[in-house]
């Protein structure tokens, strides 16, 4: 029998920080969102602010994001790709550093 896996030090705290900051941004910009986070042990957590979310198969079929500005419109009839200036993503270690959020600015 496998023992329950204990999260690595700080993973739970980082996950909560990601969801908390994401919720703040959604509230600030009056946006709805759905995010799935997967940890190093392939466990999944979901954050969603509304019930009208795309189906699992649509999310699976959606291409992987390659850059910071590489977005696809999921509910478009023509499946039009929305893309602006392409900026390559930073190395993984840098992108995992949390951004700084200042209140009241």
Foldseek 3Di string as FASTA:
>chain_A
DDDDDDDDPCPVVLVVVVLVVVVVVCVVVVHWDKDWDADPVRDIDIDTDDDPDDDPVLVVPDDDDFFPFFAWDSPDPVRDTDGDDGDGDDPPVVVSDDDDDDPPD
